[in-house]
Amino acid sequence: MGELSPAEARETLEEMRGFVNQLEHVVKQAEQIARDDFEGDPEIARLDREAEARRIQALLSSSAQAA
């Protein structure tokens, strides 16, 4: 494992902060796009809800089997 000097650690921290800010912006945009995707199209919204329910059920089933 490598070591960072305090200056390198500070630089890395600043780069990570910049990345997190950019990621937050992308997430907000994705949320807005997702909201707009289903507006006015109940069929797409229904299909998405059904797919999400299947994904959740699959996760719950796999968790129950692992326990």
PDB file of N, CA and C in Angstrom:
ATOM      1  N   MET A   1       0.831  -1.164   0.000  1.00  0.00           N
ATOM      2  CA  MET A   1       0.000   0.000   0.000  1.00  0.00           C
ATOM      3  C   MET A   1       0.888   1.244   0.000  1.00  0.00           C
ATOM      4  N   GLY A   2       0.554   2.217  -0.837  1.00  0.00           N
ATOM      5  CA  GLY A   2       1.367   3.416  -0.931  1.00  0.00           C
ATOM      6  C   GLY A   2       1.049   4.423   0.156  1.00  0.00           C
ATOM      7  N   GLU A   3       1.929   5.376   0.281  1.00  0.00           N
ATOM      8  CA  GLU A   3       1.743   6.442   1.260  1.00  0.00           C
ATOM      9  C   GLU A   3       1.576   7.762   0.531  1.00  0.00           C
ATOM     10  N   LEU A   4       0.814   8.662   1.125  1.00  0.00           N
ATOM     11  CA  LEU A   4       0.628   9.998   0.583  1.00  0.00           C
ATOM     12  C   LEU A   4       1.229  11.012   1.542  1.00  0.00           C
ATOM     13  N   SER A   5       1.871  11.997   0.967  1.00  0.00           N
ATOM     14  CA  SER A   5       2.327  13.113   1.802  1.00  0.00           C
ATOM     15  C   SER A   5       1.091  13.944   2.162  1.00  0.00           C
ATOM     16  N   PRO A   6       1.208  14.794   3.164  1.00  0.00           N
ATOM     17  CA  PRO A   6       0.063  15.653   3.489  1.00  0.00           C
ATOM     18  C   PRO A   6      -0.408  16.483   2.286  1.00  0.00           C
ATOM     19  N   ALA A   7       0.524  16.973   1.497  1.00  0.00           N
ATOM     20  CA  ALA A   7       0.153  17.768   0.317  1.00  0.00           C
ATOM     21  C   ALA A   7      -0.590  16.909  -0.703  1.00  0.00           C
ATOM     22  N   GLU A   8      -0.103  15.682  -0.915  1.00  0.00           N
ATOM     23  CA  GLU A   8      -0.773  14.775  -1.849  1.00  0.00           C
ATOM     24  C   GLU A   8      -2.159  14.384  -1.334  1.00  0.00           C
ATOM     25  N   ALA A   9      -2.260  14.172  -0.037  1.00  0.00           N
ATOM     26  CA  ALA A   9      -3.555  13.834   0.559  1.00  0.00           C
ATOM     27  C   ALA A   9      -4.537  14.987   0.379  1.00  0.00           C
ATOM     28  N   ARG A  10      -4.068  16.212   0.589  1.00  0.00           N
ATOM     29  CA  ARG A  10      -4.920  17.396   0.420  1.00  0.00           C
ATOM     30  C   ARG A  10      -5.390  17.505  -1.027  1.00  0.00           C
ATOM     31  N   GLU A  11      -4.473  17.296  -1.977  1.00  0.00           N
ATOM     32  CA  GLU A  11      -4.817  17.367  -3.397  1.00  0.00           C
ATOM     33  C   GLU A  11      -5.841  16.290  -3.751  1.00  0.00           C
ATOM     34  N   THR A  12      -5.625  15.087  -3.256  1.00  0.00           N
ATOM     35  CA  THR A  12      -6.558  13.990  -3.509  1.00  0.00           C
ATOM     36  C   THR A  12      -7.926  14.304  -2.920  1.00  0.00           C
ATOM     37  N   LEU A  13      -7.943  14.847  -1.724  1.00  0.00           N
ATOM     38  CA  LEU A  13      -9.197  15.222  -1.073  1.00  0.00           C
ATOM     39  C   LEU A  13      -9.956  16.250  -1.906  1.00  0.00           C
ATOM     40  N   GLU A  14      -9.261  17.250  -2.415  1.00  0.00           N
ATOM     41  CA  GLU A  14      -9.908  18.279  -3.236  1.00  0.00           C
ATOM     42  C   GLU A  14     -10.469  17.672  -4.520  1.00  0.00           C
ATOM     43  N   GLU A  15      -9.728  16.753  -5.131  1.00  0.00           N
ATOM     44  CA  GLU A  15     -10.215  16.088  -6.340  1.00  0.00           C
ATOM     45  C   GLU A  15     -11.454  15.257  -6.037  1.00  0.00           C
ATOM     46  N   MET A  16     -11.455  14.587  -4.898  1.00  0.00           N
ATOM     47  CA  MET A  16     -12.615  13.783  -4.508  1.00  0.00           C
ATOM     48  C   MET A  16     -13.829  14.673  -4.262  1.00  0.00           C
ATOM     49  N   ARG A  17     -13.622  15.818  -3.635  1.00  0.00           N
ATOM     50  CA  ARG A  17     -14.729  16.752  -3.411  1.00  0.00           C
ATOM     51  C   ARG A  17     -15.312  17.221  -4.738  1.00  0.00           C
ATOM     52  N   GLY A  18     -14.445  17.517  -5.683  1.00  0.00           N
ATOM     53  CA  GLY A  18     -14.910  17.925  -7.003  1.00  0.00           C
ATOM     54  C   GLY A  18     -15.715  16.831  -7.670  1.00  0.00           C
ATOM     55  N   PHE A  19     -15.235  15.599  -7.553  1.00  0.00           N
ATOM     56  CA  PHE A  19     -15.950  14.469  -8.137  1.00  0.00           C
ATOM     57  C   PHE A  19     -17.321  14.305  -7.487  1.00  0.00           C
ATOM     58  N   VAL A  20     -17.375  14.397  -6.165  1.00  0.00           N
ATOM     59  CA  VAL A  20     -18.647  14.229  -5.455  1.00  0.00           C
ATOM     60  C   VAL A  20     -19.633  15.319  -5.872  1.00  0.00           C
ATOM     61  N   ASN A  21     -19.164  16.539  -6.037  1.00  0.00           N
ATOM     62  CA  ASN A  21     -20.043  17.619  -6.489  1.00  0.00           C
ATOM     63  C   ASN A  21     -20.588  17.333  -7.882  1.00  0.00           C
ATOM     64  N   GLN A  22     -19.733  16.848  -8.768  1.00  0.00           N
ATOM     65  CA  GLN A  22     -20.180  16.503 -10.116  1.00  0.00           C
ATOM     66  C   GLN A  22     -21.165  15.341 -10.074  1.00  0.00           C
ATOM     67  N   LEU A  23     -20.887  14.341  -9.252  1.00  0.00           N
ATOM     68  CA  LEU A  23     -21.774  13.189  -9.133  1.00  0.00           C
ATOM     69  C   LEU A  23     -23.141  13.617  -8.611  1.00  0.00           C
ATOM     70  N   GLU A  24     -23.163  14.508  -7.635  1.00  0.00           N
ATOM     71  CA  GLU A  24     -24.436  14.994  -7.103  1.00  0.00           C
ATOM     72  C   GLU A  24     -25.246  15.672  -8.203  1.00  0.00           C
ATOM     73  N   HIS A  25     -24.588  16.451  -9.037  1.00  0.00           N
ATOM     74  CA  HIS A  25     -25.267  17.126 -10.143  1.00  0.00           C
ATOM     75  C   HIS A  25     -25.848  16.102 -11.119  1.00  0.00           C
ATOM     76  N   VAL A  26     -25.083  15.074 -11.445  1.00  0.00           N
ATOM     77  CA  VAL A  26     -25.551  14.030 -12.364  1.00  0.00           C
ATOM     78  C   VAL A  26     -26.751  13.297 -11.769  1.00  0.00           C
ATOM     79  N   VAL A  27     -26.689  12.986 -10.480  1.00  0.00           N
ATOM     80  CA  VAL A  27     -27.801  12.289  -9.820  1.00  0.00           C
ATOM     81  C   VAL A  27     -29.062  13.146  -9.860  1.00  0.00           C
ATOM     82  N   LYS A  28     -28.922  14.437  -9.592  1.00  0.00           N
ATOM     83  CA  LYS A  28     -30.085  15.327  -9.636  1.00  0.00           C
ATOM     84  C   LYS A  28     -30.678  15.378 -11.039  1.00  0.00           C
ATOM     85  N   GLN A  29     -29.818  15.434 -12.049  1.00  0.00           N
ATOM     86  CA  GLN A  29     -30.306  15.426 -13.426  1.00  0.00           C
ATOM     87  C   GLN A  29     -31.015  14.115 -13.738  1.00  0.00           C
ATOM     88  N   ALA A  30     -30.450  12.998 -13.301  1.00  0.00           N
ATOM     89  CA  ALA A  30     -31.059  11.691 -13.553  1.00  0.00           C
ATOM     90  C   ALA A  30     -32.421  11.588 -12.874  1.00  0.00           C
ATOM     91  N   GLU A  31     -32.537  12.120 -11.669  1.00  0.00           N
ATOM     92  CA  GLU A  31     -33.828  12.107 -10.976  1.00  0.00           C
ATOM     93  C   GLU A  31     -34.864  12.915 -11.745  1.00  0.00           C
ATOM     94  N   GLN A  32     -34.463  14.061 -12.251  1.00  0.00           N
ATOM     95  CA  GLN A  32     -35.385  14.898 -13.014  1.00  0.00           C
ATOM     96  C   GLN A  32     -35.807  14.198 -14.300  1.00  0.00           C
ATOM     97  N   ILE A  33     -34.862  13.605 -14.991  1.00  0.00           N
ATOM     98  CA  ILE A  33     -35.171  12.888 -16.232  1.00  0.00           C
ATOM     99  C   ILE A  33     -36.101  11.723 -15.944  1.00  0.00           C
ATOM    100  N   ALA A  34     -35.837  10.991 -14.871  1.00  0.00           N
ATOM    101  CA  ALA A  34     -36.672   9.836 -14.521  1.00  0.00           C
ATOM    102  C   ALA A  34     -38.097  10.281 -14.220  1.00  0.00           C
ATOM    103  N   ARG A  35     -38.253  11.403 -13.528  1.00  0.00           N
ATOM    104  CA  ARG A  35     -39.603  11.903 -13.244  1.00  0.00           C
ATOM    105  C   ARG A  35     -40.323  12.226 -14.542  1.00  0.00           C
ATOM    106  N   ASP A  36     -39.619  12.838 -15.466  1.00  0.00           N
ATOM    107  CA  ASP A  36     -40.231  13.253 -16.726  1.00  0.00           C
ATOM    108  C   ASP A  36     -40.495  12.081 -17.666  1.00  0.00           C
ATOM    109  N   ASP A  37     -39.763  10.986 -17.508  1.00  0.00           N
ATOM    110  CA  ASP A  37     -39.909   9.850 -18.414  1.00  0.00           C
ATOM    111  C   ASP A  37     -41.327   9.304 -18.446  1.00  0.00           C
ATOM    112  N   PHE A  38     -41.986   9.253 -17.294  1.00  0.00           N
ATOM    113  CA  PHE A  38     -43.271   8.573 -17.215  1.00  0.00           C
ATOM    114  C   PHE A  38     -44.453   9.525 -17.255  1.00  0.00           C
ATOM    115  N   GLU A  39     -44.161  10.799 -17.243  1.00  0.00           N
ATOM    116  CA  GLU A  39     -45.234  11.773 -17.256  1.00  0.00           C
ATOM    117  C   GLU A  39     -46.037  11.632 -18.541  1.00  0.00           C
ATOM    118  N   GLY A  40     -47.328  11.390 -18.409  1.00  0.00           N
ATOM    119  CA  GLY A  40     -48.186  11.289 -19.579  1.00  0.00           C
ATOM    120  C   GLY A  40     -48.200   9.926 -20.232  1.00  0.00           C
ATOM    121  N   ASP A  41     -47.423   8.970 -19.756  1.00  0.00           N
ATOM    122  CA  ASP A  41     -47.427   7.628 -20.344  1.00  0.00           C
ATOM    123  C   ASP A  41     -47.641   6.596 -19.243  1.00  0.00           C
ATOM    124  N   PRO A  42     -48.909   6.345 -18.909  1.00  0.00           N
ATOM    125  CA  PRO A  42     -49.197   5.428 -17.808  1.00  0.00           C
ATOM    126  C   PRO A  42     -48.724   3.997 -18.073  1.00  0.00           C
ATOM    127  N   GLU A  43     -48.658   3.597 -19.321  1.00  0.00           N
ATOM    128  CA  GLU A  43     -48.209   2.229 -19.637  1.00  0.00           C
ATOM    129  C   GLU A  43     -46.738   2.043 -19.258  1.00  0.00           C
ATOM    130  N   ILE A  44     -45.894   3.010 -19.597  1.00  0.00           N
ATOM    131  CA  ILE A  44     -44.480   2.925 -19.234  1.00  0.00           C
ATOM    132  C   ILE A  44     -44.335   2.966 -17.719  1.00  0.00           C
ATOM    133  N   ALA A  45     -45.095   3.821 -17.064  1.00  0.00           N
ATOM    134  CA  ALA A  45     -45.034   3.908 -15.602  1.00  0.00           C
ATOM    135  C   ALA A  45     -45.441   2.583 -14.970  1.00  0.00           C
ATOM    136  N   ARG A  46     -46.495   1.960 -15.473  1.00  0.00           N
ATOM    137  CA  ARG A  46     -46.955   0.677 -14.936  1.00  0.00           C
ATOM    138  C   ARG A  46     -45.894  -0.394 -15.128  1.00  0.00           C
ATOM    139  N   LEU A  47     -45.329  -0.472 -16.319  1.00  0.00           N
ATOM    140  CA  LEU A  47     -44.293  -1.470 -16.595  1.00  0.00           C
ATOM    141  C   LEU A  47     -43.075  -1.258 -15.703  1.00  0.00           C
ATOM    142  N   ASP A  48     -42.711  -0.018 -15.481  1.00  0.00           N
ATOM    143  CA  ASP A  48     -41.574   0.268 -14.607  1.00  0.00           C
ATOM    144  C   ASP A  48     -41.867  -0.151 -13.170  1.00  0.00           C
ATOM    145  N   ARG A  49     -43.071   0.138 -12.689  1.00  0.00           N
ATOM    146  CA  ARG A  49     -43.434  -0.276 -11.326  1.00  0.00           C
ATOM    147  C   ARG A  49     -43.413  -1.795 -11.192  1.00  0.00           C
ATOM    148  N   GLU A  50     -43.922  -2.494 -12.208  1.00  0.00           N
ATOM    149  CA  GLU A  50     -43.926  -3.957 -12.165  1.00  0.00           C
ATOM    150  C   GLU A  50     -42.499  -4.510 -12.173  1.00  0.00           C
ATOM    151  N   ALA A  51     -41.636  -3.931 -12.989  1.00  0.00           N
ATOM    152  CA  ALA A  51     -40.239  -4.387 -13.041  1.00  0.00           C
ATOM    153  C   ALA A  51     -39.548  -4.127 -11.709  1.00  0.00           C
ATOM    154  N   GLU A  52     -39.810  -2.978 -11.111  1.00  0.00           N
ATOM    155  CA  GLU A  52     -39.215  -2.661  -9.813  1.00  0.00           C
ATOM    156  C   GLU A  52     -39.707  -3.636  -8.748  1.00  0.00           C
ATOM    157  N   ALA A  53     -40.985  -3.973  -8.774  1.00  0.00           N
ATOM    158  CA  ALA A  53     -41.537  -4.932  -7.812  1.00  0.00           C
ATOM    159  C   ALA A  53     -40.872  -6.296  -7.980  1.00  0.00           C
ATOM    160  N   ARG A  54     -40.624  -6.705  -9.229  1.00  0.00           N
ATOM    161  CA  ARG A  54     -39.938  -7.989  -9.472  1.00  0.00           C
ATOM    162  C   ARG A  54     -38.510  -7.953  -8.950  1.00  0.00           C
ATOM    163  N   ARG A  55     -37.810  -6.847  -9.158  1.00  0.00           N
ATOM    164  CA  ARG A  55     -36.433  -6.724  -8.660  1.00  0.00           C
ATOM    165  C   ARG A  55     -36.403  -6.804  -7.133  1.00  0.00           C
ATOM    166  N   ILE A  56     -37.334  -6.117  -6.498  1.00  0.00           N
ATOM    167  CA  ILE A  56     -37.393  -6.147  -5.031  1.00  0.00           C
ATOM    168  C   ILE A  56     -37.696  -7.551  -4.542  1.00  0.00           C
ATOM    169  N   GLN A  57     -38.659  -8.216  -5.178  1.00  0.00           N
ATOM    170  CA  GLN A  57     -39.013  -9.574  -4.771  1.00  0.00           C
ATOM    171  C   GLN A  57     -37.827 -10.519  -4.952  1.00  0.00           C
ATOM    172  N   ALA A  58     -37.081 -10.366  -6.031  1.00  0.00           N
ATOM    173  CA  ALA A  58     -35.907 -11.215  -6.260  1.00  0.00           C
ATOM    174  C   ALA A  58     -34.861 -10.985  -5.175  1.00  0.00           C
ATOM    175  N   LEU A  59     -34.649  -9.738  -4.795  1.00  0.00           N
ATOM    176  CA  LEU A  59     -33.690  -9.441  -3.725  1.00  0.00           C
ATOM    177  C   LEU A  59     -34.145 -10.028  -2.397  1.00  0.00           C
ATOM    178  N   LEU A  60     -35.431  -9.879  -2.103  1.00  0.00           N
ATOM    179  CA  LEU A  60     -35.953 -10.428  -0.851  1.00  0.00           C
ATOM    180  C   LEU A  60     -35.847 -11.948  -0.835  1.00  0.00           C
ATOM    181  N   SER A  61     -36.134 -12.573  -1.967  1.00  0.00           N
ATOM    182  CA  SER A  61     -36.051 -14.033  -2.056  1.00  0.00           C
ATOM    183  C   SER A  61     -34.617 -14.512  -1.884  1.00  0.00           C
ATOM    184  N   SER A  62     -33.677 -13.832  -2.528  1.00  0.00           N
ATOM    185  CA  SER A  62     -32.278 -14.252  -2.414  1.00  0.00           C
ATOM    186  C   SER A  62     -31.755 -14.018  -1.001  1.00  0.00           C
ATOM    187  N   SER A  63     -32.214 -12.949  -0.345  1.00  0.00           N
ATOM    188  CA  SER A  63     -31.807 -12.694   1.040  1.00  0.00           C
ATOM    189  C   SER A  63     -32.367 -13.756   1.975  1.00  0.00           C
ATOM    190  N   ALA A  64     -33.602 -14.159   1.749  1.00  0.00           N
ATOM    191  CA  ALA A  64     -34.228 -15.172   2.597  1.00  0.00           C
ATOM    192  C   ALA A  64     -33.537 -16.520   2.425  1.00  0.00           C
ATOM    193  N   GLN A  65     -33.130 -16.838   1.203  1.00  0.00           N
ATOM    194  CA  GLN A  65     -32.451 -18.108   0.944  1.00  0.00           C
ATOM    195  C   GLN A  65     -31.057 -18.111   1.553  1.00  0.00           C
ATOM    196  N   ALA A  66     -30.415 -16.955   1.605  1.00  0.00           N
ATOM    197  CA  ALA A  66     -29.058 -16.872   2.152  1.00  0.00           C
ATOM    198  C   ALA A  66     -29.062 -16.989   3.677  1.00  0.00           C
ATOM    199  N   ALA A  67     -30.179 -16.658   4.291  1.00  0.00           N
ATOM    200  CA  ALA A  67     -30.246 -16.676   5.767  1.00  0.00           C
ATOM    201  C   ALA A  67     -30.417 -18.054   6.332  1.00  0.00           C
TER     202      ALA A  67
END
